[in-house]
Amino acid sequence: MYLTKEKRAEIAAQYGKNAQDTGSAESQIAIFTYRIQHLTELMKQNKKDQVTERALVALVGKRRRMLDYLKDTDIERYRAIIKKLNLRK
């Protein structure tokens, strides 16, 4: 599997408070972004894979809702995570 426990802990440590902090909004957004990048690469190889496309659209929606939540609650954290992950907005 592409997202192992070690990779998830690494992402959480980089964007969250510590390696076990997978529940914070920043960590979740970073994990979603990692998964979106992986699925995007799969979609480039398999253009007709509708199951992967649906999963990709669902993940993008989840990340968008999480970013909207973060923007409403703490705009500084929102700006920081957008800048760190190099997301458009």
C-alpha atoms as a PDB file:
ATOM      1  CA  MET A   1       0.000   0.000   0.000  1.00  0.00           C
ATOM      2  CA  TYR A   2       1.246   3.465  -0.806  1.00  0.00           C
ATOM      3  CA  LEU A   3       0.235   5.085   2.502  1.00  0.00           C
ATOM      4  CA  THR A   4       1.873   3.054   5.258  1.00  0.00           C
ATOM      5  CA  LYS A   5       1.803   3.809   8.975  1.00  0.00           C
ATOM      6  CA  GLU A   6       5.328   5.167   8.743  1.00  0.00           C
ATOM      7  CA  LYS A   7       4.464   7.523   5.869  1.00  0.00           C
ATOM      8  CA  ARG A   8       1.318   8.704   7.685  1.00  0.00           C
ATOM      9  CA  ALA A   9       3.387   9.376  10.843  1.00  0.00           C
ATOM     10  CA  GLU A  10       5.993  11.228   8.768  1.00  0.00           C
ATOM     11  CA  ILE A  11       3.351  13.471   7.197  1.00  0.00           C
ATOM     12  CA  ALA A  12       1.725  14.073  10.600  1.00  0.00           C
ATOM     13  CA  ALA A  13       5.074  14.981  12.140  1.00  0.00           C
ATOM     14  CA  GLN A  14       5.843  17.397   9.323  1.00  0.00           C
ATOM     15  CA  TYR A  15       2.500  19.215   9.254  1.00  0.00           C
ATOM     16  CA  GLY A  16       0.952  18.475  12.653  1.00  0.00           C
ATOM     17  CA  LYS A  17       2.181  18.914  16.194  1.00  0.00           C
ATOM     18  CA  ASN A  18       3.871  15.485  16.433  1.00  0.00           C
ATOM     19  CA  ALA A  19       3.952  12.090  14.697  1.00  0.00           C
ATOM     20  CA  GLN A  20       0.800  10.869  16.461  1.00  0.00           C
ATOM     21  CA  ASP A  21      -1.196  13.997  15.600  1.00  0.00           C
ATOM     22  CA  THR A  22      -3.160  12.654  12.652  1.00  0.00           C
ATOM     23  CA  GLY A  23      -6.406  14.260  13.785  1.00  0.00           C
ATOM     24  CA  SER A  24      -5.534  17.921  13.413  1.00  0.00           C
ATOM     25  CA  ALA A  25      -6.877  19.731  10.379  1.00  0.00           C
ATOM     26  CA  GLU A  26      -3.399  20.409   9.007  1.00  0.00           C
ATOM     27  CA  SER A  27      -2.393  16.743   9.230  1.00  0.00           C
ATOM     28  CA  GLN A  28      -5.601  15.570   7.603  1.00  0.00           C
ATOM     29  CA  ILE A  29      -5.256  18.087   4.768  1.00  0.00           C
ATOM     30  CA  ALA A  30      -1.649  16.992   4.191  1.00  0.00           C
ATOM     31  CA  ILE A  31      -2.635  13.308   4.148  1.00  0.00           C
ATOM     32  CA  PHE A  32      -5.507  14.037   1.759  1.00  0.00           C
ATOM     33  CA  THR A  33      -3.089  15.942  -0.485  1.00  0.00           C
ATOM     34  CA  TYR A  34      -0.654  13.021  -0.511  1.00  0.00           C
ATOM     35  CA  ARG A  35      -3.468  10.614  -1.441  1.00  0.00           C
ATOM     36  CA  ILE A  36      -4.787  13.003  -4.121  1.00  0.00           C
ATOM     37  CA  GLN A  37      -1.336  13.201  -5.708  1.00  0.00           C
ATOM     38  CA  HIS A  38      -1.103   9.409  -5.750  1.00  0.00           C
ATOM     39  CA  LEU A  39      -4.537   8.974  -7.316  1.00  0.00           C
ATOM     40  CA  THR A  40      -3.775  11.686  -9.879  1.00  0.00           C
ATOM     41  CA  GLU A  41      -0.739   9.710 -11.020  1.00  0.00           C
ATOM     42  CA  LEU A  42      -2.896   6.585 -11.320  1.00  0.00           C
ATOM     43  CA  MET A  43      -5.460   8.493 -13.365  1.00  0.00           C
ATOM     44  CA  LYS A  44      -2.751   9.649 -15.785  1.00  0.00           C
ATOM     45  CA  GLN A  45      -1.921   6.000 -16.471  1.00  0.00           C
ATOM     46  CA  ASN A  46      -5.494   4.649 -16.497  1.00  0.00           C
ATOM     47  CA  LYS A  47      -7.751   7.287 -17.971  1.00  0.00           C
ATOM     48  CA  LYS A  48     -10.851   5.076 -18.032  1.00  0.00           C
ATOM     49  CA  ASP A  49     -10.649   3.948 -14.390  1.00  0.00           C
ATOM     50  CA  GLN A  50     -13.939   5.315 -13.114  1.00  0.00           C
ATOM     51  CA  VAL A  51     -13.578   3.916  -9.578  1.00  0.00           C
ATOM     52  CA  THR A  52     -10.309   5.774  -9.056  1.00  0.00           C
ATOM     53  CA  GLU A  53     -11.795   8.911 -10.578  1.00  0.00           C
ATOM     54  CA  ARG A  54     -14.720   8.787  -8.165  1.00  0.00           C
ATOM     55  CA  ALA A  55     -12.373   8.270  -5.198  1.00  0.00           C
ATOM     56  CA  LEU A  56     -10.252  11.192  -6.397  1.00  0.00           C
ATOM     57  CA  VAL A  57     -13.254  13.515  -6.656  1.00  0.00           C
ATOM     58  CA  ALA A  58     -14.424  12.448  -3.184  1.00  0.00           C
ATOM     59  CA  LEU A  59     -10.979  13.147  -1.685  1.00  0.00           C
ATOM     60  CA  VAL A  60     -10.778  16.559  -3.330  1.00  0.00           C
ATOM     61  CA  GLY A  61     -14.193  17.376  -1.836  1.00  0.00           C
ATOM     62  CA  LYS A  62     -13.107  16.212   1.625  1.00  0.00           C
ATOM     63  CA  ARG A  63      -9.955  18.327   1.434  1.00  0.00           C
ATOM     64  CA  ARG A  64     -11.965  21.343   0.238  1.00  0.00           C
ATOM     65  CA  ARG A  65     -14.401  21.009   3.153  1.00  0.00           C
ATOM     66  CA  MET A  66     -11.509  20.658   5.609  1.00  0.00           C
ATOM     67  CA  LEU A  67      -9.838  23.753   4.149  1.00  0.00           C
ATOM     68  CA  ASP A  68     -13.117  25.691   4.386  1.00  0.00           C
ATOM     69  CA  TYR A  69     -13.475  24.640   8.030  1.00  0.00           C
ATOM     70  CA  LEU A  70      -9.920  25.752   8.782  1.00  0.00           C
ATOM     71  CA  LYS A  71     -10.486  29.069   6.987  1.00  0.00           C
ATOM     72  CA  ASP A  72     -13.601  29.727   9.077  1.00  0.00           C
ATOM     73  CA  THR A  73     -11.993  28.819  12.399  1.00  0.00           C
ATOM     74  CA  ASP A  74      -8.391  30.064  12.080  1.00  0.00           C
ATOM     75  CA  ILE A  75      -7.352  32.010   8.983  1.00  0.00           C
ATOM     76  CA  GLU A  76      -3.642  32.052   9.927  1.00  0.00           C
ATOM     77  CA  ARG A  77      -3.428  28.249  10.121  1.00  0.00           C
ATOM     78  CA  TYR A  78      -5.304  28.100   6.796  1.00  0.00           C
ATOM     79  CA  ARG A  79      -2.826  30.439   5.105  1.00  0.00           C
ATOM     80  CA  ALA A  80       0.115  28.532   6.566  1.00  0.00           C
ATOM     81  CA  ILE A  81      -1.057  25.120   5.326  1.00  0.00           C
ATOM     82  CA  ILE A  82      -1.919  26.502   1.873  1.00  0.00           C
ATOM     83  CA  LYS A  83       1.576  27.926   1.627  1.00  0.00           C
ATOM     84  CA  LYS A  84       3.295  24.770   2.948  1.00  0.00           C
ATOM     85  CA  LEU A  85       1.441  22.434   0.604  1.00  0.00           C
ATOM     86  CA  ASN A  86       1.632  24.856  -2.320  1.00  0.00           C
ATOM     87  CA  LEU A  87      -2.120  24.655  -3.000  1.00  0.00           C
ATOM     88  CA  ARG A  88      -3.957  27.082  -5.231  1.00  0.00           C
ATOM     89  CA  LYS A  89      -6.589  29.305  -3.666  1.00  0.00           C
END
